[in-house]
Amino acid sequence: LNLNHFVTQNRDQILLAVEDIPKTLSQHLSACVSLLCRKLECFRLLLCSHCMKLLT
């Protein structure tokens, strides 16, 4: 397979795919961050309720 030929033939698709990477990546990252924040919040609430039980 000639790589140059492949790139020339599929240049538009490749460029579109490359342009999409940052967008897809940022969407994925923001989804991960919000999921992580929710998990941390749940953990914090669990920890607080556990501490309250210990204190009382």
PDB file of N, CA and C in Angstrom:
ATOM      1  N   LEU A   1       0.855  -1.202   0.000  1.00  0.00           N
ATOM      2  CA  LEU A   1       0.000   0.000   0.000  1.00  0.00           C
ATOM      3  C   LEU A   1       0.891   1.252   0.000  1.00  0.00           C
ATOM      4  N   ASN A   2       0.652   2.107  -0.968  1.00  0.00           N
ATOM      5  CA  ASN A   2       1.403   3.356  -1.040  1.00  0.00           C
ATOM      6  C   ASN A   2       0.724   4.396  -0.143  1.00  0.00           C
ATOM      7  N   LEU A   3       1.411   4.793   0.902  1.00  0.00           N
ATOM      8  CA  LEU A   3       0.832   5.707   1.887  1.00  0.00           C
ATOM      9  C   LEU A   3       0.498   7.064   1.283  1.00  0.00           C
ATOM     10  N   ASN A   4       1.394   7.580   0.451  1.00  0.00           N
ATOM     11  CA  ASN A   4       1.146   8.876  -0.179  1.00  0.00           C
ATOM     12  C   ASN A   4      -0.117   8.840  -1.021  1.00  0.00           C
ATOM     13  N   HIS A   5      -0.286   7.750  -1.770  1.00  0.00           N
ATOM     14  CA  HIS A   5      -1.475   7.593  -2.601  1.00  0.00           C
ATOM     15  C   HIS A   5      -2.728   7.553  -1.724  1.00  0.00           C
ATOM     16  N   PHE A   6      -2.646   6.797  -0.645  1.00  0.00           N
ATOM     17  CA  PHE A   6      -3.776   6.675   0.286  1.00  0.00           C
ATOM     18  C   PHE A   6      -4.147   8.037   0.867  1.00  0.00           C
ATOM     19  N   VAL A   7      -3.127   8.778   1.322  1.00  0.00           N
ATOM     20  CA  VAL A   7      -3.366  10.092   1.924  1.00  0.00           C
ATOM     21  C   VAL A   7      -3.969  11.048   0.903  1.00  0.00           C
ATOM     22  N   THR A   8      -3.446  11.027  -0.324  1.00  0.00           N
ATOM     23  CA  THR A   8      -3.969  11.908  -1.373  1.00  0.00           C
ATOM     24  C   THR A   8      -5.419  11.570  -1.681  1.00  0.00           C
ATOM     25  N   GLN A   9      -5.718  10.294  -1.759  1.00  0.00           N
ATOM     26  CA  GLN A   9      -7.078   9.855  -2.074  1.00  0.00           C
ATOM     27  C   GLN A   9      -8.057  10.212  -0.952  1.00  0.00           C
ATOM     28  N   ASN A  10      -7.621  10.108   0.285  1.00  0.00           N
ATOM     29  CA  ASN A  10      -8.527  10.258   1.430  1.00  0.00           C
ATOM     30  C   ASN A  10      -8.247  11.501   2.255  1.00  0.00           C
ATOM     31  N   ARG A  11      -7.606  12.485   1.605  1.00  0.00           N
ATOM     32  CA  ARG A  11      -7.172  13.679   2.336  1.00  0.00           C
ATOM     33  C   ARG A  11      -8.335  14.380   3.039  1.00  0.00           C
ATOM     34  N   ASP A  12      -9.456  14.536   2.338  1.00  0.00           N
ATOM     35  CA  ASP A  12     -10.593  15.247   2.929  1.00  0.00           C
ATOM     36  C   ASP A  12     -11.123  14.526   4.164  1.00  0.00           C
ATOM     37  N   GLN A  13     -11.284  13.198   4.045  1.00  0.00           N
ATOM     38  CA  GLN A  13     -11.770  12.430   5.195  1.00  0.00           C
ATOM     39  C   GLN A  13     -10.790  12.500   6.361  1.00  0.00           C
ATOM     40  N   ILE A  14      -9.501  12.428   6.033  1.00  0.00           N
ATOM     41  CA  ILE A  14      -8.471  12.479   7.079  1.00  0.00           C
ATOM     42  C   ILE A  14      -8.500  13.833   7.781  1.00  0.00           C
ATOM     43  N   LEU A  15      -8.597  14.901   6.998  1.00  0.00           N
ATOM     44  CA  LEU A  15      -8.634  16.244   7.587  1.00  0.00           C
ATOM     45  C   LEU A  15      -9.860  16.418   8.470  1.00  0.00           C
ATOM     46  N   LEU A  16     -11.004  15.932   8.008  1.00  0.00           N
ATOM     47  CA  LEU A  16     -12.223  16.026   8.808  1.00  0.00           C
ATOM     48  C   LEU A  16     -12.070  15.247  10.110  1.00  0.00           C
ATOM     49  N   ALA A  17     -11.503  14.050  10.011  1.00  0.00           N
ATOM     50  CA  ALA A  17     -11.308  13.222  11.206  1.00  0.00           C
ATOM     51  C   ALA A  17     -10.378  13.911  12.196  1.00  0.00           C
ATOM     52  N   VAL A  18      -9.296  14.501  11.673  1.00  0.00           N
ATOM     53  CA  VAL A  18      -8.331  15.176  12.541  1.00  0.00           C
ATOM     54  C   VAL A  18      -8.954  16.410  13.184  1.00  0.00           C
ATOM     55  N   GLU A  19      -9.779  17.130  12.426  1.00  0.00           N
ATOM     56  CA  GLU A  19     -10.450  18.309  12.985  1.00  0.00           C
ATOM     57  C   GLU A  19     -11.428  17.910  14.077  1.00  0.00           C
ATOM     58  N   ASP A  20     -12.009  16.718  13.942  1.00  0.00           N
ATOM     59  CA  ASP A  20     -12.983  16.245  14.926  1.00  0.00           C
ATOM     60  C   ASP A  20     -12.348  15.800  16.235  1.00  0.00           C
ATOM     61  N   ILE A  21     -11.061  15.447  16.192  1.00  0.00           N
ATOM     62  CA  ILE A  21     -10.407  14.898  17.382  1.00  0.00           C
ATOM     63  C   ILE A  21     -10.500  15.826  18.605  1.00  0.00           C
ATOM     64  N   PRO A  22     -10.119  17.112  18.494  1.00  0.00           N
ATOM     65  CA  PRO A  22     -10.190  17.965  19.686  1.00  0.00           C
ATOM     66  C   PRO A  22     -11.610  18.094  20.231  1.00  0.00           C
ATOM     67  N   LYS A  23     -12.585  18.193  19.326  1.00  0.00           N
ATOM     68  CA  LYS A  23     -13.976  18.323  19.744  1.00  0.00           C
ATOM     69  C   LYS A  23     -14.417  17.072  20.504  1.00  0.00           C
ATOM     70  N   THR A  24     -14.142  15.909  19.907  1.00  0.00           N
ATOM     71  CA  THR A  24     -14.519  14.643  20.536  1.00  0.00           C
ATOM     72  C   THR A  24     -13.798  14.471  21.860  1.00  0.00           C
ATOM     73  N   LEU A  25     -12.520  14.840  21.868  1.00  0.00           N
ATOM     74  CA  LEU A  25     -11.707  14.712  23.067  1.00  0.00           C
ATOM     75  C   LEU A  25     -12.234  15.602  24.186  1.00  0.00           C
ATOM     76  N   SER A  26     -12.578  16.844  23.855  1.00  0.00           N
ATOM     77  CA  SER A  26     -13.055  17.761  24.886  1.00  0.00           C
ATOM     78  C   SER A  26     -14.418  17.317  25.415  1.00  0.00           C
ATOM     79  N   GLN A  27     -15.271  16.785  24.523  1.00  0.00           N
ATOM     80  CA  GLN A  27     -16.558  16.259  24.978  1.00  0.00           C
ATOM     81  C   GLN A  27     -16.329  15.092  25.929  1.00  0.00           C
ATOM     82  N   HIS A  28     -15.410  14.209  25.555  1.00  0.00           N
ATOM     83  CA  HIS A  28     -15.106  13.038  26.374  1.00  0.00           C
ATOM     84  C   HIS A  28     -14.546  13.466  27.725  1.00  0.00           C
ATOM     85  N   LEU A  29     -13.637  14.450  27.698  1.00  0.00           N
ATOM     86  CA  LEU A  29     -13.022  14.929  28.929  1.00  0.00           C
ATOM     87  C   LEU A  29     -14.043  15.573  29.853  1.00  0.00           C
ATOM     88  N   SER A  30     -14.916  16.404  29.297  1.00  0.00           N
ATOM     89  CA  SER A  30     -15.899  17.064  30.156  1.00  0.00           C
ATOM     90  C   SER A  30     -16.872  16.045  30.740  1.00  0.00           C
ATOM     91  N   ALA A  31     -17.200  15.007  29.968  1.00  0.00           N
ATOM     92  CA  ALA A  31     -18.054  13.937  30.490  1.00  0.00           C
ATOM     93  C   ALA A  31     -17.348  13.205  31.630  1.00  0.00           C
ATOM     94  N   CYS A  32     -16.059  12.917  31.443  1.00  0.00           N
ATOM     95  CA  CYS A  32     -15.277  12.237  32.484  1.00  0.00           C
ATOM     96  C   CYS A  32     -15.178  13.087  33.740  1.00  0.00           C
ATOM     97  N   VAL A  33     -14.933  14.376  33.559  1.00  0.00           N
ATOM     98  CA  VAL A  33     -14.785  15.276  34.699  1.00  0.00           C
ATOM     99  C   VAL A  33     -16.085  15.375  35.480  1.00  0.00           C
ATOM    100  N   SER A  34     -17.213  15.508  34.776  1.00  0.00           N
ATOM    101  CA  SER A  34     -18.480  15.619  35.496  1.00  0.00           C
ATOM    102  C   SER A  34     -18.815  14.315  36.214  1.00  0.00           C
ATOM    103  N   LEU A  35     -18.471  13.192  35.589  1.00  0.00           N
ATOM    104  CA  LEU A  35     -18.686  11.896  36.235  1.00  0.00           C
ATOM    105  C   LEU A  35     -17.827  11.777  37.487  1.00  0.00           C
ATOM    106  N   LEU A  36     -16.574  12.199  37.372  1.00  0.00           N
ATOM    107  CA  LEU A  36     -15.650  12.155  38.503  1.00  0.00           C
ATOM    108  C   LEU A  36     -16.150  13.047  39.635  1.00  0.00           C
ATOM    109  N   CYS A  37     -16.640  14.234  39.294  1.00  0.00           N
ATOM    110  CA  CYS A  37     -17.161  15.153  40.304  1.00  0.00           C
ATOM    111  C   CYS A  37     -18.357  14.544  41.023  1.00  0.00           C
ATOM    112  N   ARG A  38     -19.243  13.890  40.254  1.00  0.00           N
ATOM    113  CA  ARG A  38     -20.398  13.245  40.878  1.00  0.00           C
ATOM    114  C   ARG A  38     -19.954  12.138  41.821  1.00  0.00           C
ATOM    115  N   LYS A  39     -18.972  11.352  41.386  1.00  0.00           N
ATOM    116  CA  LYS A  39     -18.464  10.270  42.238  1.00  0.00           C
ATOM    117  C   LYS A  39     -17.831  10.831  43.509  1.00  0.00           C
ATOM    118  N   LEU A  40     -17.059  11.906  43.369  1.00  0.00           N
ATOM    119  CA  LEU A  40     -16.415  12.522  44.526  1.00  0.00           C
ATOM    120  C   LEU A  40     -17.455  13.084  45.484  1.00  0.00           C
ATOM    121  N   GLU A  41     -18.494  13.682  44.934  1.00  0.00           N
ATOM    122  CA  GLU A  41     -19.564  14.241  45.762  1.00  0.00           C
ATOM    123  C   GLU A  41     -20.254  13.126  46.551  1.00  0.00           C
ATOM    124  N   CYS A  42     -20.538  12.014  45.876  1.00  0.00           N
ATOM    125  CA  CYS A  42     -21.153  10.863  46.547  1.00  0.00           C
ATOM    126  C   CYS A  42     -20.244  10.348  47.656  1.00  0.00           C
ATOM    127  N   PHE A  43     -18.963  10.250  47.351  1.00  0.00           N
ATOM    128  CA  PHE A  43     -17.983   9.765  48.321  1.00  0.00           C
ATOM    129  C   PHE A  43     -17.924  10.701  49.527  1.00  0.00           C
ATOM    130  N   ARG A  44     -17.950  12.004  49.252  1.00  0.00           N
ATOM    131  CA  ARG A  44     -17.885  13.003  50.325  1.00  0.00           C
ATOM    132  C   ARG A  44     -19.115  12.904  51.227  1.00  0.00           C
ATOM    133  N   LEU A  45     -20.278  12.724  50.606  1.00  0.00           N
ATOM    134  CA  LEU A  45     -21.511  12.593  51.378  1.00  0.00           C
ATOM    135  C   LEU A  45     -21.486  11.331  52.232  1.00  0.00           C
ATOM    136  N   LEU A  46     -21.005  10.241  51.650  1.00  0.00           N
ATOM    137  CA  LEU A  46     -20.883   8.990  52.404  1.00  0.00           C
ATOM    138  C   LEU A  46     -19.936   9.164  53.585  1.00  0.00           C
ATOM    139  N   LEU A  47     -18.814   9.822  53.326  1.00  0.00           N
ATOM    140  CA  LEU A  47     -17.808  10.045  54.352  1.00  0.00           C
ATOM    141  C   LEU A  47     -18.378  10.910  55.475  1.00  0.00           C
ATOM    142  N   CYS A  48     -19.091  11.973  55.106  1.00  0.00           N
ATOM    143  CA  CYS A  48     -19.679  12.875  56.092  1.00  0.00           C
ATOM    144  C   CYS A  48     -20.702  12.151  56.950  1.00  0.00           C
ATOM    145  N   SER A  49     -21.568  11.366  56.313  1.00  0.00           N
ATOM    146  CA  SER A  49     -22.586  10.663  57.090  1.00  0.00           C
ATOM    147  C   SER A  49     -21.930   9.637  58.011  1.00  0.00           C
ATOM    148  N   HIS A  50     -20.857   9.021  57.548  1.00  0.00           N
ATOM    149  CA  HIS A  50     -20.115   8.058  58.365  1.00  0.00           C
ATOM    150  C   HIS A  50     -19.483   8.767  59.563  1.00  0.00           C
ATOM    151  N   CYS A  51     -18.889   9.943  59.325  1.00  0.00           N
ATOM    152  CA  CYS A  51     -18.259  10.716  60.396  1.00  0.00           C
ATOM    153  C   CYS A  51     -19.294  11.183  61.408  1.00  0.00           C
ATOM    154  N   MET A  52     -20.450  11.586  60.927  1.00  0.00           N
ATOM    155  CA  MET A  52     -21.512  12.053  61.819  1.00  0.00           C
ATOM    156  C   MET A  52     -21.959  10.925  62.744  1.00  0.00           C
ATOM    157  N   LYS A  53     -22.032   9.713  62.200  1.00  0.00           N
ATOM    158  CA  LYS A  53     -22.414   8.560  63.020  1.00  0.00           C
ATOM    159  C   LYS A  53     -21.365   8.311  64.097  1.00  0.00           C
ATOM    160  N   LEU A  54     -20.104   8.486  63.739  1.00  0.00           N
ATOM    161  CA  LEU A  54     -19.025   8.272  64.706  1.00  0.00           C
ATOM    162  C   LEU A  54     -19.050   9.331  65.804  1.00  0.00           C
ATOM    163  N   LEU A  55     -19.400  10.560  65.421  1.00  0.00           N
ATOM    164  CA  LEU A  55     -19.385  11.668  66.371  1.00  0.00           C
ATOM    165  C   LEU A  55     -20.558  11.612  67.337  1.00  0.00           C
ATOM    166  N   THR A  56     -21.679  11.063  66.880  1.00  0.00           N
ATOM    167  CA  THR A  56     -22.872  11.058  67.751  1.00  0.00           C
ATOM    168  C   THR A  56     -22.994   9.760  68.522  1.00  0.00           C
TER     169      THR A  56
END
